[in-house]
């Protein structure tokens, strides 16, 4: 049974930074593309960033480019999302997801097979 667990959410002021971590257990994470998504209550879950299995392909949603960095450590079965220059509009629940497609790096949440429970990020103005 593959499990995905996020860590690192919290409250931060505008302009601050947070680093989210996502740990995968039950399988070797190196087989998966890993994505981060976020969701405000009452809104659809939206793509934030994705990293392919090797880390060689990375994609970001436009509003986070230059501020967020996704990375992975396959030896630790962990993927990270470093979030800098945070804005109030970044406030959301952040979800980590694993895609079993070995060559995948999808923005589509329906391509992902395993999801974490989410971690809350609140950016105060």
C-alpha atoms as a PDB file:
ATOM      1  CA  UNK A   1       0.000   0.000   0.000  1.00  0.00           C
ATOM      2  CA  UNK A   2       1.543   3.265  -1.135  1.00  0.00           C
ATOM      3  CA  UNK A   3       1.153   6.131   1.296  1.00  0.00           C
ATOM      4  CA  UNK A   4       1.880   9.784   0.725  1.00  0.00           C
ATOM      5  CA  UNK A   5       2.291  12.169   3.646  1.00  0.00           C
ATOM      6  CA  UNK A   6       2.934  15.909   3.522  1.00  0.00           C
ATOM      7  CA  UNK A   7       4.790  17.960   6.128  1.00  0.00           C
ATOM      8  CA  UNK A   8       5.695  21.561   6.639  1.00  0.00           C
ATOM      9  CA  UNK A   9       2.611  23.684   6.303  1.00  0.00           C
ATOM     10  CA  UNK A  10       1.921  26.589   8.598  1.00  0.00           C
ATOM     11  CA  UNK A  11       1.319  30.297   8.975  1.00  0.00           C
ATOM     12  CA  UNK A  12       3.731  32.769   7.421  1.00  0.00           C
ATOM     13  CA  UNK A  13       3.701  36.472   6.646  1.00  0.00           C
ATOM     14  CA  UNK A  14       3.639  37.890   3.148  1.00  0.00           C
ATOM     15  CA  UNK A  15       7.107  37.646   1.639  1.00  0.00           C
ATOM     16  CA  UNK A  16       8.092  34.754   3.855  1.00  0.00           C
ATOM     17  CA  UNK A  17       9.133  31.218   3.009  1.00  0.00           C
ATOM     18  CA  UNK A  18       8.056  27.686   3.783  1.00  0.00           C
ATOM     19  CA  UNK A  19       9.368  24.321   2.694  1.00  0.00           C
ATOM     20  CA  UNK A  20       6.939  21.482   2.257  1.00  0.00           C
ATOM     21  CA  UNK A  21       8.081  17.886   2.265  1.00  0.00           C
ATOM     22  CA  UNK A  22       6.274  14.817   0.994  1.00  0.00           C
ATOM     23  CA  UNK A  23       7.314  11.321   1.993  1.00  0.00           C
ATOM     24  CA  UNK A  24       6.269   8.262   0.008  1.00  0.00           C
ATOM     25  CA  UNK A  25       6.196   4.849   1.649  1.00  0.00           C
ATOM     26  CA  UNK A  26       5.190   1.415   0.458  1.00  0.00           C
ATOM     27  CA  UNK A  27       7.083   1.631  -2.827  1.00  0.00           C
ATOM     28  CA  UNK A  28      10.162   3.184  -4.383  1.00  0.00           C
ATOM     29  CA  UNK A  29       9.408   6.787  -5.211  1.00  0.00           C
ATOM     30  CA  UNK A  30      11.965   6.803  -8.022  1.00  0.00           C
ATOM     31  CA  UNK A  31       9.376   5.109 -10.265  1.00  0.00           C
ATOM     32  CA  UNK A  32       6.909   7.985  -9.966  1.00  0.00           C
ATOM     33  CA  UNK A  33       6.447  11.469 -11.214  1.00  0.00           C
ATOM     34  CA  UNK A  34       5.577  13.657  -8.225  1.00  0.00           C
ATOM     35  CA  UNK A  35       3.292  16.638  -8.228  1.00  0.00           C
ATOM     36  CA  UNK A  36       2.125  19.365  -5.883  1.00  0.00           C
ATOM     37  CA  UNK A  37      -1.387  20.740  -6.076  1.00  0.00           C
ATOM     38  CA  UNK A  38      -3.327  23.211  -3.957  1.00  0.00           C
ATOM     39  CA  UNK A  39      -6.945  23.827  -3.156  1.00  0.00           C
ATOM     40  CA  UNK A  40      -8.954  26.574  -1.555  1.00  0.00           C
ATOM     41  CA  UNK A  41     -12.215  25.555   0.101  1.00  0.00           C
ATOM     42  CA  UNK A  42     -14.984  25.608  -2.465  1.00  0.00           C
ATOM     43  CA  UNK A  43     -12.599  25.714  -5.374  1.00  0.00           C
ATOM     44  CA  UNK A  44     -11.097  23.112  -7.655  1.00  0.00           C
ATOM     45  CA  UNK A  45      -7.745  21.582  -6.902  1.00  0.00           C
ATOM     46  CA  UNK A  46      -5.120  23.234  -9.066  1.00  0.00           C
ATOM     47  CA  UNK A  47      -1.708  22.278 -10.330  1.00  0.00           C
ATOM     48  CA  UNK A  48       1.331  23.885  -8.715  1.00  0.00           C
ATOM     49  CA  UNK A  49       4.414  21.934  -9.806  1.00  0.00           C
ATOM     50  CA  UNK A  50       5.579  18.563 -11.078  1.00  0.00           C
ATOM     51  CA  UNK A  51       8.906  16.782 -11.258  1.00  0.00           C
ATOM     52  CA  UNK A  52       9.505  13.689 -13.347  1.00  0.00           C
ATOM     53  CA  UNK A  53      11.031  10.489 -11.998  1.00  0.00           C
ATOM     54  CA  UNK A  54      14.638  11.565 -12.490  1.00  0.00           C
ATOM     55  CA  UNK A  55      14.247  15.237 -11.669  1.00  0.00           C
ATOM     56  CA  UNK A  56      15.249  16.126 -15.196  1.00  0.00           C
ATOM     57  CA  UNK A  57      11.877  17.596 -16.180  1.00  0.00           C
ATOM     58  CA  UNK A  58      10.139  20.189 -14.026  1.00  0.00           C
ATOM     59  CA  UNK A  59       7.052  22.251 -14.717  1.00  0.00           C
ATOM     60  CA  UNK A  60       5.384  25.050 -12.734  1.00  0.00           C
ATOM     61  CA  UNK A  61       2.112  26.852 -12.814  1.00  0.00           C
ATOM     62  CA  UNK A  62       2.754  30.370 -14.060  1.00  0.00           C
ATOM     63  CA  UNK A  63       1.897  32.202 -10.840  1.00  0.00           C
ATOM     64  CA  UNK A  64       4.560  30.342  -8.851  1.00  0.00           C
ATOM     65  CA  UNK A  65       7.399  30.404 -11.384  1.00  0.00           C
ATOM     66  CA  UNK A  66      10.462  32.083  -9.941  1.00  0.00           C
ATOM     67  CA  UNK A  67       9.117  31.762  -6.385  1.00  0.00           C
ATOM     68  CA  UNK A  68       8.593  28.019  -5.847  1.00  0.00           C
ATOM     69  CA  UNK A  69      11.099  25.227  -6.402  1.00  0.00           C
ATOM     70  CA  UNK A  70      10.252  21.541  -6.576  1.00  0.00           C
ATOM     71  CA  UNK A  71      12.960  18.966  -5.958  1.00  0.00           C
ATOM     72  CA  UNK A  72      13.257  15.314  -5.041  1.00  0.00           C
ATOM     73  CA  UNK A  73      15.564  12.986  -3.178  1.00  0.00           C
ATOM     74  CA  UNK A  74      14.825   9.484  -4.393  1.00  0.00           C
ATOM     75  CA  UNK A  75      17.140   7.954  -1.803  1.00  0.00           C
ATOM     76  CA  UNK A  76      14.908   9.426   0.896  1.00  0.00           C
ATOM     77  CA  UNK A  77      11.629   8.840  -0.960  1.00  0.00           C
ATOM     78  CA  UNK A  78      10.939  12.534  -0.447  1.00  0.00           C
ATOM     79  CA  UNK A  79       9.881  15.401  -2.677  1.00  0.00           C
ATOM     80  CA  UNK A  80      10.098  19.020  -1.591  1.00  0.00           C
ATOM     81  CA  UNK A  81       8.396  22.281  -2.449  1.00  0.00           C
ATOM     82  CA  UNK A  82      10.393  25.337  -1.442  1.00  0.00           C
ATOM     83  CA  UNK A  83       8.073  28.330  -1.428  1.00  0.00           C
ATOM     84  CA  UNK A  84       9.597  31.814  -1.312  1.00  0.00           C
ATOM     85  CA  UNK A  85       8.121  35.301  -1.595  1.00  0.00           C
ATOM     86  CA  UNK A  86       4.797  33.965  -0.448  1.00  0.00           C
ATOM     87  CA  UNK A  87       1.645  35.940  -1.152  1.00  0.00           C
ATOM     88  CA  UNK A  88      -1.806  35.828   0.470  1.00  0.00           C
ATOM     89  CA  UNK A  89      -3.149  34.250  -2.708  1.00  0.00           C
ATOM     90  CA  UNK A  90      -0.872  31.258  -2.072  1.00  0.00           C
ATOM     91  CA  UNK A  91      -3.029  30.411   0.935  1.00  0.00           C
ATOM     92  CA  UNK A  92      -4.501  26.940   0.399  1.00  0.00           C
ATOM     93  CA  UNK A  93      -4.282  23.311   1.358  1.00  0.00           C
ATOM     94  CA  UNK A  94      -1.311  21.808  -0.444  1.00  0.00           C
ATOM     95  CA  UNK A  95      -1.409  18.233  -1.657  1.00  0.00           C
ATOM     96  CA  UNK A  96       1.357  15.944  -2.814  1.00  0.00           C
ATOM     97  CA  UNK A  97       0.586  13.266  -5.392  1.00  0.00           C
ATOM     98  CA  UNK A  98       2.364  10.370  -7.085  1.00  0.00           C
ATOM     99  CA  UNK A  99       1.897   9.349 -10.720  1.00  0.00           C
ATOM    100  CA  UNK A 100       2.911   5.807 -11.621  1.00  0.00           C
ATOM    101  CA  UNK A 101       3.500   6.768 -15.245  1.00  0.00           C
ATOM    102  CA  UNK A 102       7.285   6.436 -15.500  1.00  0.00           C
ATOM    103  CA  UNK A 103       7.633   8.981 -18.295  1.00  0.00           C
ATOM    104  CA  UNK A 104       4.914  11.277 -17.016  1.00  0.00           C
ATOM    105  CA  UNK A 105       5.066  14.855 -15.804  1.00  0.00           C
ATOM    106  CA  UNK A 106       1.427  15.776 -15.928  1.00  0.00           C
ATOM    107  CA  UNK A 107      -0.472  18.892 -14.818  1.00  0.00           C
ATOM    108  CA  UNK A 108      -3.713  16.908 -14.770  1.00  0.00           C
ATOM    109  CA  UNK A 109      -4.709  15.795 -11.297  1.00  0.00           C
ATOM    110  CA  UNK A 110      -6.607  12.841 -12.753  1.00  0.00           C
ATOM    111  CA  UNK A 111      -3.326  11.329 -13.928  1.00  0.00           C
ATOM    112  CA  UNK A 112      -2.157  10.888 -10.330  1.00  0.00           C
ATOM    113  CA  UNK A 113      -2.618   7.625  -8.515  1.00  0.00           C
ATOM    114  CA  UNK A 114      -1.783   8.346  -4.892  1.00  0.00           C
ATOM    115  CA  UNK A 115      -2.533  11.439  -2.817  1.00  0.00           C
ATOM    116  CA  UNK A 116      -1.625  12.749   0.571  1.00  0.00           C
ATOM    117  CA  UNK A 117      -4.077  14.251   3.020  1.00  0.00           C
ATOM    118  CA  UNK A 118      -2.783  17.760   2.497  1.00  0.00           C
ATOM    119  CA  UNK A 119      -1.077  20.369   4.608  1.00  0.00           C
ATOM    120  CA  UNK A 120      -2.409  23.847   5.207  1.00  0.00           C
ATOM    121  CA  UNK A 121      -0.473  26.931   4.179  1.00  0.00           C
ATOM    122  CA  UNK A 122      -1.711  30.319   5.336  1.00  0.00           C
ATOM    123  CA  UNK A 123      -0.040  33.547   4.226  1.00  0.00           C
ATOM    124  CA  UNK A 124      -1.068  36.593   6.215  1.00  0.00           C
ATOM    125  CA  UNK A 125      -1.081  40.061   4.711  1.00  0.00           C
END
